[in-house]
Amino acid sequence: MCHAQDLPWYRTWFNEDYLEVYGHRDEAEAERAVELAERELGLSPGDRVLDLCCGNARHSVELAARGLAVVALDLSSALLRSGARKARDEGVKVGFVQADARHIALRSGFDAVVNFFTSFGYFEADEDNELVLENIARVLTKRGRFLIDYLNVEHLQANLVPQTVWRVGSSSVREDRSIDTVNRRVNKTIAIERGGAEKRYSESVRLYSEDELKNMLESRGLSVLNAFGDYDGGTVDVARPRLILVGEKV
């Protein structure tokens, strides 16, 4: 029998508790990220876009509202249900697919693939993370474009906040963060105290440098054309939190 504590962190954390704790995440931020993607990927109404690891579809809904044909893929049924409600509320059409990013049954034919908000590097084995990139290459048309919105490791190392505590409604939330220099991962534990009971979750993301990620992409026929450090199109440097890579399938 497989118990919850035996499952990988990404199979247990992205649930209703996640939606409650991070319900404050900014729609305006998602709009800025989509504006960057629309501009840099050269998207036009009717283009087929895969939002890979879409979460609760903040970006998918914004893309669909701009006239794009969006397929939103995620492993979490709770986040997909939330995204489907959001799409209905906004009156836009999004196709939702539940799947592991390593094992995608979708056919090729996408004009663009987007992967927003540090949804890469979840798996323990590098080979598994690389499978995600192989799937991006497979589903793209030739000269199809991609955007991967990852974290900036140098900024993270210089600015890591070891602990934050806040309240969400009747819940108290504590996050503890650390960097594992041996396995090159950033780890976070999330403790949610509600009504005298505590639930604990975790997150763990593999830390890849800009050069490492570029090499991984280019070895799979995905040419990196540009890199940005934030959603406003700033350069990648220690002062900016993101590593946003934009390119095309060659």
C-alpha atoms as a PDB file:
ATOM      1  CA  MET A   1       0.000   0.000   0.000  1.00  0.00           C
ATOM      2  CA  CYS A   2       1.317   3.447  -0.942  1.00  0.00           C
ATOM      3  CA  HIS A   3       0.829   6.053   1.783  1.00  0.00           C
ATOM      4  CA  ALA A   4       0.724   9.805   1.139  1.00  0.00           C
ATOM      5  CA  GLN A   5       4.121  10.274   2.798  1.00  0.00           C
ATOM      6  CA  ASP A   6       5.619   7.845   0.272  1.00  0.00           C
ATOM      7  CA  LEU A   7       4.473   9.881  -2.723  1.00  0.00           C
ATOM      8  CA  PRO A   8       6.638  12.546  -4.399  1.00  0.00           C
ATOM      9  CA  TRP A   9       5.999  16.024  -3.009  1.00  0.00           C
ATOM     10  CA  TYR A  10       4.365  17.293  -6.211  1.00  0.00           C
ATOM     11  CA  ARG A  11       1.671  14.598  -5.962  1.00  0.00           C
ATOM     12  CA  THR A  12       0.538  15.629  -2.479  1.00  0.00           C
ATOM     13  CA  TRP A  13       1.030  19.404  -2.272  1.00  0.00           C
ATOM     14  CA  PHE A  14      -0.935  20.786  -5.220  1.00  0.00           C
ATOM     15  CA  ASN A  15      -4.347  20.426  -3.609  1.00  0.00           C
ATOM     16  CA  GLU A  16      -7.019  22.564  -1.945  1.00  0.00           C
ATOM     17  CA  ASP A  17      -4.578  23.612   0.794  1.00  0.00           C
ATOM     18  CA  TYR A  18      -2.225  24.924  -1.883  1.00  0.00           C
ATOM     19  CA  LEU A  19      -5.059  26.897  -3.457  1.00  0.00           C
ATOM     20  CA  GLU A  20      -5.953  28.423  -0.088  1.00  0.00           C
ATOM     21  CA  VAL A  21      -2.384  29.328   0.884  1.00  0.00           C
ATOM     22  CA  TYR A  22      -1.488  30.825  -2.486  1.00  0.00           C
ATOM     23  CA  GLY A  23      -4.846  32.232  -3.478  1.00  0.00           C
ATOM     24  CA  HIS A  24      -3.300  35.702  -3.305  1.00  0.00           C
ATOM     25  CA  ARG A  25      -1.036  35.128  -6.298  1.00  0.00           C
ATOM     26  CA  ASP A  26      -1.349  38.111  -8.532  1.00  0.00           C
ATOM     27  CA  GLU A  27      -3.421  38.013 -11.723  1.00  0.00           C
ATOM     28  CA  ALA A  28      -1.601  41.176 -12.820  1.00  0.00           C
ATOM     29  CA  GLU A  29       1.689  39.260 -12.602  1.00  0.00           C
ATOM     30  CA  ALA A  30       0.242  36.533 -14.818  1.00  0.00           C
ATOM     31  CA  GLU A  31      -0.875  39.166 -17.309  1.00  0.00           C
ATOM     32  CA  ARG A  32       2.654  40.609 -17.468  1.00  0.00           C
ATOM     33  CA  ALA A  33       4.109  37.125 -18.009  1.00  0.00           C
ATOM     34  CA  VAL A  34       1.638  36.446 -20.820  1.00  0.00           C
ATOM     35  CA  GLU A  35       2.380  39.813 -22.429  1.00  0.00           C
ATOM     36  CA  LEU A  36       6.070  38.895 -22.485  1.00  0.00           C
ATOM     37  CA  ALA A  37       5.262  35.499 -23.988  1.00  0.00           C
ATOM     38  CA  GLU A  38       2.898  36.931 -26.588  1.00  0.00           C
ATOM     39  CA  ARG A  39       5.499  39.458 -27.723  1.00  0.00           C
ATOM     40  CA  GLU A  40       8.594  37.247 -27.665  1.00  0.00           C
ATOM     41  CA  LEU A  41       6.921  34.165 -29.131  1.00  0.00           C
ATOM     42  CA  GLY A  42       5.226  36.178 -31.864  1.00  0.00           C
ATOM     43  CA  LEU A  43       1.826  34.736 -30.992  1.00  0.00           C
ATOM     44  CA  SER A  44      -1.211  35.509 -33.136  1.00  0.00           C
ATOM     45  CA  PRO A  45      -4.909  34.723 -32.561  1.00  0.00           C
ATOM     46  CA  GLY A  46      -5.624  31.119 -33.459  1.00  0.00           C
ATOM     47  CA  ASP A  47      -2.122  29.837 -32.694  1.00  0.00           C
ATOM     48  CA  ARG A  48      -2.090  26.537 -30.776  1.00  0.00           C
ATOM     49  CA  VAL A  49      -0.392  26.941 -27.390  1.00  0.00           C
ATOM     50  CA  LEU A  50       0.380  24.293 -24.766  1.00  0.00           C
ATOM     51  CA  ASP A  51       0.545  25.640 -21.211  1.00  0.00           C
ATOM     52  CA  LEU A  52       2.697  22.901 -19.698  1.00  0.00           C
ATOM     53  CA  CYS A  53       2.262  22.473 -15.920  1.00  0.00           C
ATOM     54  CA  CYS A  54      -0.505  25.058 -15.990  1.00  0.00           C
ATOM     55  CA  GLY A  55      -1.398  25.005 -12.281  1.00  0.00           C
ATOM     56  CA  ASN A  56      -4.741  26.692 -11.722  1.00  0.00           C
ATOM     57  CA  ALA A  57      -4.606  28.163 -15.242  1.00  0.00           C
ATOM     58  CA  ARG A  58      -3.937  31.815 -14.464  1.00  0.00           C
ATOM     59  CA  HIS A  59      -1.825  32.050 -17.598  1.00  0.00           C
ATOM     60  CA  SER A  60      -3.958  29.696 -19.697  1.00  0.00           C
ATOM     61  CA  VAL A  61      -7.060  31.829 -19.210  1.00  0.00           C
ATOM     62  CA  GLU A  62      -5.173  35.013 -20.073  1.00  0.00           C
ATOM     63  CA  LEU A  63      -3.756  33.399 -23.223  1.00  0.00           C
ATOM     64  CA  ALA A  64      -7.206  32.183 -24.274  1.00  0.00           C
ATOM     65  CA  ALA A  65      -8.649  35.647 -23.697  1.00  0.00           C
ATOM     66  CA  ARG A  66      -6.183  36.885 -26.332  1.00  0.00           C
ATOM     67  CA  GLY A  67      -7.647  34.576 -28.957  1.00  0.00           C
ATOM     68  CA  LEU A  68      -5.170  31.708 -28.697  1.00  0.00           C
ATOM     69  CA  ALA A  69      -6.157  28.026 -28.862  1.00  0.00           C
ATOM     70  CA  VAL A  70      -4.903  26.841 -25.482  1.00  0.00           C
ATOM     71  CA  VAL A  71      -4.383  23.367 -24.082  1.00  0.00           C
ATOM     72  CA  ALA A  72      -3.633  23.464 -20.350  1.00  0.00           C
ATOM     73  CA  LEU A  73      -1.845  20.418 -18.927  1.00  0.00           C
ATOM     74  CA  ASP A  74      -1.165  19.590 -15.288  1.00  0.00           C
ATOM     75  CA  LEU A  75      -0.896  16.554 -13.014  1.00  0.00           C
ATOM     76  CA  SER A  76      -3.080  17.966 -10.233  1.00  0.00           C
ATOM     77  CA  SER A  77      -6.808  17.325 -10.512  1.00  0.00           C
ATOM     78  CA  ALA A  78      -7.500  19.992  -7.862  1.00  0.00           C
ATOM     79  CA  LEU A  79      -5.647  22.688  -9.814  1.00  0.00           C
ATOM     80  CA  LEU A  80      -7.256  21.631 -13.088  1.00  0.00           C
ATOM     81  CA  ARG A  81     -10.729  21.871 -11.526  1.00  0.00           C
ATOM     82  CA  SER A  82      -9.879  25.340 -10.248  1.00  0.00           C
ATOM     83  CA  GLY A  83      -8.615  26.318 -13.697  1.00  0.00           C
ATOM     84  CA  ALA A  84     -11.735  25.010 -15.414  1.00  0.00           C
ATOM     85  CA  ARG A  85     -13.898  27.126 -13.069  1.00  0.00           C
ATOM     86  CA  LYS A  86     -11.755  30.159 -13.823  1.00  0.00           C
ATOM     87  CA  ALA A  87     -12.104  29.609 -17.574  1.00  0.00           C
ATOM     88  CA  ARG A  88     -15.897  29.290 -17.255  1.00  0.00           C
ATOM     89  CA  ASP A  89     -16.092  32.418 -15.107  1.00  0.00           C
ATOM     90  CA  GLU A  90     -14.057  34.380 -17.670  1.00  0.00           C
ATOM     91  CA  GLY A  91     -16.026  32.979 -20.589  1.00  0.00           C
ATOM     92  CA  VAL A  92     -13.016  31.582 -22.453  1.00  0.00           C
ATOM     93  CA  LYS A  93     -12.381  28.175 -23.982  1.00  0.00           C
ATOM     94  CA  VAL A  94      -9.410  26.168 -22.672  1.00  0.00           C
ATOM     95  CA  GLY A  95      -8.776  22.466 -23.201  1.00  0.00           C
ATOM     96  CA  PHE A  96      -7.676  20.819 -19.951  1.00  0.00           C
ATOM     97  CA  VAL A  97      -5.541  17.664 -19.851  1.00  0.00           C
ATOM     98  CA  GLN A  98      -4.384  15.761 -16.762  1.00  0.00           C
ATOM     99  CA  ALA A  99      -0.948  14.226 -17.296  1.00  0.00           C
ATOM    100  CA  ASP A 100       2.572  13.936 -15.959  1.00  0.00           C
ATOM    101  CA  ALA A 101       4.871  16.296 -17.895  1.00  0.00           C
ATOM    102  CA  ARG A 102       7.230  13.373 -18.509  1.00  0.00           C
ATOM    103  CA  HIS A 103       4.534  11.325 -20.190  1.00  0.00           C
ATOM    104  CA  ILE A 104       2.469  13.393 -22.604  1.00  0.00           C
ATOM    105  CA  ALA A 105       0.189  11.671 -25.111  1.00  0.00           C
ATOM    106  CA  LEU A 106      -0.494  14.868 -27.074  1.00  0.00           C
ATOM    107  CA  ARG A 107       0.454  14.885 -30.728  1.00  0.00           C
ATOM    108  CA  SER A 108       2.789  17.428 -32.268  1.00  0.00           C
ATOM    109  CA  GLY A 109       1.371  20.524 -33.889  1.00  0.00           C
ATOM    110  CA  PHE A 110       1.686  23.235 -31.251  1.00  0.00           C
ATOM    111  CA  ASP A 111       2.913  26.625 -32.397  1.00  0.00           C
ATOM    112  CA  ALA A 112       4.204  27.384 -28.901  1.00  0.00           C
ATOM    113  CA  VAL A 113       4.786  25.777 -25.511  1.00  0.00           C
ATOM    114  CA  VAL A 114       4.921  27.853 -22.335  1.00  0.00           C
ATOM    115  CA  ASN A 115       6.073  26.658 -18.921  1.00  0.00           C
ATOM    116  CA  PHE A 116       5.463  29.392 -16.360  1.00  0.00           C
ATOM    117  CA  PHE A 117       6.340  30.094 -12.744  1.00  0.00           C
ATOM    118  CA  THR A 118       9.100  27.587 -11.900  1.00  0.00           C
ATOM    119  CA  SER A 119       7.284  24.450 -13.002  1.00  0.00           C
ATOM    120  CA  PHE A 120      10.510  22.781 -14.134  1.00  0.00           C
ATOM    121  CA  GLY A 121      13.082  20.830 -12.110  1.00  0.00           C
ATOM    122  CA  TYR A 122      10.625  19.025  -9.836  1.00  0.00           C
ATOM    123  CA  PHE A 123      11.953  15.520 -10.428  1.00  0.00           C
ATOM    124  CA  GLU A 124      14.847  13.992  -8.501  1.00  0.00           C
ATOM    125  CA  ALA A 125      16.595  12.516 -11.527  1.00  0.00           C
ATOM    126  CA  ASP A 126      18.031  14.838 -14.159  1.00  0.00           C
ATOM    127  CA  GLU A 127      16.901  12.323 -16.767  1.00  0.00           C
ATOM    128  CA  ASP A 128      13.288  12.857 -15.720  1.00  0.00           C
ATOM    129  CA  ASN A 129      13.593  16.635 -15.919  1.00  0.00           C
ATOM    130  CA  GLU A 130      15.152  16.242 -19.361  1.00  0.00           C
ATOM    131  CA  LEU A 131      12.152  14.146 -20.460  1.00  0.00           C
ATOM    132  CA  VAL A 132      10.030  17.267 -20.007  1.00  0.00           C
ATOM    133  CA  LEU A 133      12.266  19.135 -22.461  1.00  0.00           C
ATOM    134  CA  GLU A 134      12.095  16.243 -24.909  1.00  0.00           C
ATOM    135  CA  ASN A 135       8.304  16.440 -24.800  1.00  0.00           C
ATOM    136  CA  ILE A 136       8.408  20.170 -25.485  1.00  0.00           C
ATOM    137  CA  ALA A 137      10.534  19.487 -28.557  1.00  0.00           C
ATOM    138  CA  ARG A 138       8.256  16.656 -29.689  1.00  0.00           C
ATOM    139  CA  VAL A 139       4.957  18.540 -29.570  1.00  0.00           C
ATOM    140  CA  LEU A 140       6.241  21.719 -31.243  1.00  0.00           C
ATOM    141  CA  THR A 141       5.966  22.307 -34.961  1.00  0.00           C
ATOM    142  CA  LYS A 142       9.205  23.040 -36.768  1.00  0.00           C
ATOM    143  CA  ARG A 143      10.118  26.644 -35.894  1.00  0.00           C
ATOM    144  CA  GLY A 144       7.560  26.434 -33.101  1.00  0.00           C
ATOM    145  CA  ARG A 145       8.563  28.533 -30.124  1.00  0.00           C
ATOM    146  CA  PHE A 146       8.891  27.917 -26.414  1.00  0.00           C
ATOM    147  CA  LEU A 147       9.163  29.920 -23.198  1.00  0.00           C
ATOM    148  CA  ILE A 148      10.457  28.456 -19.940  1.00  0.00           C
ATOM    149  CA  ASP A 149       9.989  30.673 -16.890  1.00  0.00           C
ATOM    150  CA  TYR A 150      12.442  29.305 -14.338  1.00  0.00           C
ATOM    151  CA  LEU A 151      14.145  30.733 -11.242  1.00  0.00           C
ATOM    152  CA  ASN A 152      17.434  32.646 -11.303  1.00  0.00           C
ATOM    153  CA  VAL A 153      19.780  30.539  -9.154  1.00  0.00           C
ATOM    154  CA  GLU A 154      22.217  33.390  -8.437  1.00  0.00           C
ATOM    155  CA  HIS A 155      19.416  35.649  -7.241  1.00  0.00           C
ATOM    156  CA  LEU A 156      17.962  32.851  -5.128  1.00  0.00           C
ATOM    157  CA  GLN A 157      21.287  32.123  -3.441  1.00  0.00           C
ATOM    158  CA  ALA A 158      21.825  35.805  -2.641  1.00  0.00           C
ATOM    159  CA  ASN A 159      18.283  36.487  -1.416  1.00  0.00           C
ATOM    160  CA  LEU A 160      16.939  33.302   0.164  1.00  0.00           C
ATOM    161  CA  VAL A 161      14.604  34.062   3.084  1.00  0.00           C
ATOM    162  CA  PRO A 162      14.954  31.144   5.551  1.00  0.00           C
ATOM    163  CA  GLN A 163      11.489  31.515   7.076  1.00  0.00           C
ATOM    164  CA  THR A 164       8.232  33.384   6.608  1.00  0.00           C
ATOM    165  CA  VAL A 165       5.079  33.204   8.724  1.00  0.00           C
ATOM    166  CA  TRP A 166       1.676  34.672   7.877  1.00  0.00           C
ATOM    167  CA  ARG A 167      -2.034  34.070   8.228  1.00  0.00           C
ATOM    168  CA  VAL A 168      -4.562  33.119   5.583  1.00  0.00           C
ATOM    169  CA  GLY A 169      -8.090  33.329   6.932  1.00  0.00           C
ATOM    170  CA  SER A 170      -8.213  31.041   9.969  1.00  0.00           C
ATOM    171  CA  SER A 171      -4.918  29.318   9.090  1.00  0.00           C
ATOM    172  CA  SER A 172      -1.361  30.070  10.185  1.00  0.00           C
ATOM    173  CA  VAL A 173       1.258  29.277   7.535  1.00  0.00           C
ATOM    174  CA  ARG A 174       4.999  28.844   8.109  1.00  0.00           C
ATOM    175  CA  GLU A 175       7.468  28.292   5.289  1.00  0.00           C
ATOM    176  CA  ASP A 176      11.044  27.149   5.938  1.00  0.00           C
ATOM    177  CA  ARG A 177      13.530  27.292   3.041  1.00  0.00           C
ATOM    178  CA  SER A 178      17.034  25.955   2.518  1.00  0.00           C
ATOM    179  CA  ILE A 179      19.465  25.171  -0.273  1.00  0.00           C
ATOM    180  CA  ASP A 180      20.931  21.680  -0.544  1.00  0.00           C
ATOM    181  CA  THR A 181      24.349  22.355  -2.064  1.00  0.00           C
ATOM    182  CA  VAL A 182      25.150  18.640  -2.450  1.00  0.00           C
ATOM    183  CA  ASN A 183      22.085  17.715  -4.491  1.00  0.00           C
ATOM    184  CA  ARG A 184      21.718  21.241  -5.875  1.00  0.00           C
ATOM    185  CA  ARG A 185      18.122  21.762  -4.891  1.00  0.00           C
ATOM    186  CA  VAL A 186      16.129  24.445  -3.122  1.00  0.00           C
ATOM    187  CA  ASN A 187      13.828  22.887  -0.534  1.00  0.00           C
ATOM    188  CA  LYS A 188      10.827  24.304   1.251  1.00  0.00           C
ATOM    189  CA  THR A 189       8.557  22.925   3.947  1.00  0.00           C
ATOM    190  CA  ILE A 190       5.088  24.368   4.408  1.00  0.00           C
ATOM    191  CA  ALA A 191       3.312  23.946   7.760  1.00  0.00           C
ATOM    192  CA  ILE A 192      -0.373  24.902   7.873  1.00  0.00           C
ATOM    193  CA  GLU A 193      -1.966  25.138  11.327  1.00  0.00           C
ATOM    194  CA  ARG A 194      -5.737  25.255  11.350  1.00  0.00           C
ATOM    195  CA  GLY A 195      -8.021  24.662  14.324  1.00  0.00           C
ATOM    196  CA  GLY A 196      -5.244  23.157  16.418  1.00  0.00           C
ATOM    197  CA  ALA A 197      -4.228  20.629  13.751  1.00  0.00           C
ATOM    198  CA  GLU A 198      -1.160  20.922  11.524  1.00  0.00           C
ATOM    199  CA  LYS A 199      -0.563  19.724   7.994  1.00  0.00           C
ATOM    200  CA  ARG A 200       2.917  19.646   6.492  1.00  0.00           C
ATOM    201  CA  TYR A 201       3.941  19.704   2.851  1.00  0.00           C
ATOM    202  CA  SER A 202       7.182  20.158   0.960  1.00  0.00           C
ATOM    203  CA  GLU A 203       8.597  21.505  -2.289  1.00  0.00           C
ATOM    204  CA  SER A 204      11.935  20.689  -3.906  1.00  0.00           C
ATOM    205  CA  VAL A 205      13.302  22.127  -7.154  1.00  0.00           C
ATOM    206  CA  ARG A 206      16.537  21.192  -8.922  1.00  0.00           C
ATOM    207  CA  LEU A 207      18.846  24.173  -9.401  1.00  0.00           C
ATOM    208  CA  TYR A 208      20.163  24.537 -12.941  1.00  0.00           C
ATOM    209  CA  SER A 209      22.417  27.352 -14.094  1.00  0.00           C
ATOM    210  CA  GLU A 210      21.558  29.348 -17.194  1.00  0.00           C
ATOM    211  CA  ASP A 211      24.263  27.572 -19.187  1.00  0.00           C
ATOM    212  CA  GLU A 212      23.129  24.138 -18.013  1.00  0.00           C
ATOM    213  CA  LEU A 213      19.539  24.775 -18.980  1.00  0.00           C
ATOM    214  CA  LYS A 214      20.524  26.227 -22.354  1.00  0.00           C
ATOM    215  CA  ASN A 215      22.706  23.196 -23.091  1.00  0.00           C
ATOM    216  CA  MET A 216      19.900  20.815 -22.122  1.00  0.00           C
ATOM    217  CA  LEU A 217      17.513  22.600 -24.460  1.00  0.00           C
ATOM    218  CA  GLU A 218      19.889  22.919 -27.374  1.00  0.00           C
ATOM    219  CA  SER A 219      20.863  19.245 -27.209  1.00  0.00           C
ATOM    220  CA  ARG A 220      17.182  18.511 -27.913  1.00  0.00           C
ATOM    221  CA  GLY A 221      16.923  20.781 -30.912  1.00  0.00           C
ATOM    222  CA  LEU A 222      15.538  23.739 -28.974  1.00  0.00           C
ATOM    223  CA  SER A 223      17.547  26.847 -29.797  1.00  0.00           C
ATOM    224  CA  VAL A 224      17.573  29.611 -27.158  1.00  0.00           C
ATOM    225  CA  LEU A 225      17.120  33.032 -28.779  1.00  0.00           C
ATOM    226  CA  ASN A 226      16.768  35.278 -25.765  1.00  0.00           C
ATOM    227  CA  ALA A 227      16.850  35.346 -21.953  1.00  0.00           C
ATOM    228  CA  PHE A 228      15.107  37.655 -19.495  1.00  0.00           C
ATOM    229  CA  GLY A 229      15.370  38.221 -15.764  1.00  0.00           C
ATOM    230  CA  ASP A 230      11.826  39.412 -15.129  1.00  0.00           C
ATOM    231  CA  TYR A 231       8.436  39.736 -16.816  1.00  0.00           C
ATOM    232  CA  ASP A 232       9.261  43.277 -17.926  1.00  0.00           C
ATOM    233  CA  GLY A 233      12.026  41.984 -20.183  1.00  0.00           C
ATOM    234  CA  GLY A 234      14.980  42.935 -17.977  1.00  0.00           C
ATOM    235  CA  THR A 235      18.369  41.295 -18.391  1.00  0.00           C
ATOM    236  CA  VAL A 236      19.377  38.216 -16.404  1.00  0.00           C
ATOM    237  CA  ASP A 237      21.503  39.277 -13.433  1.00  0.00           C
ATOM    238  CA  VAL A 238      21.742  38.709  -9.696  1.00  0.00           C
ATOM    239  CA  ALA A 239      19.269  41.531  -9.028  1.00  0.00           C
ATOM    240  CA  ARG A 240      16.422  39.877 -10.962  1.00  0.00           C
ATOM    241  CA  PRO A 241      14.524  36.802  -9.750  1.00  0.00           C
ATOM    242  CA  ARG A 242      13.694  34.953 -12.972  1.00  0.00           C
ATOM    243  CA  LEU A 243      15.473  33.057 -15.730  1.00  0.00           C
ATOM    244  CA  ILE A 244      13.077  33.200 -18.675  1.00  0.00           C
ATOM    245  CA  LEU A 245      14.389  31.434 -21.755  1.00  0.00           C
ATOM    246  CA  VAL A 246      12.737  31.965 -25.136  1.00  0.00           C
ATOM    247  CA  GLY A 247      13.585  30.048 -28.282  1.00  0.00           C
ATOM    248  CA  GLU A 248      12.465  27.867 -31.153  1.00  0.00           C
ATOM    249  CA  LYS A 249      12.587  24.316 -32.416  1.00  0.00           C
ATOM    250  CA  VAL A 250      15.148  24.014 -35.187  1.00  0.00           C
END
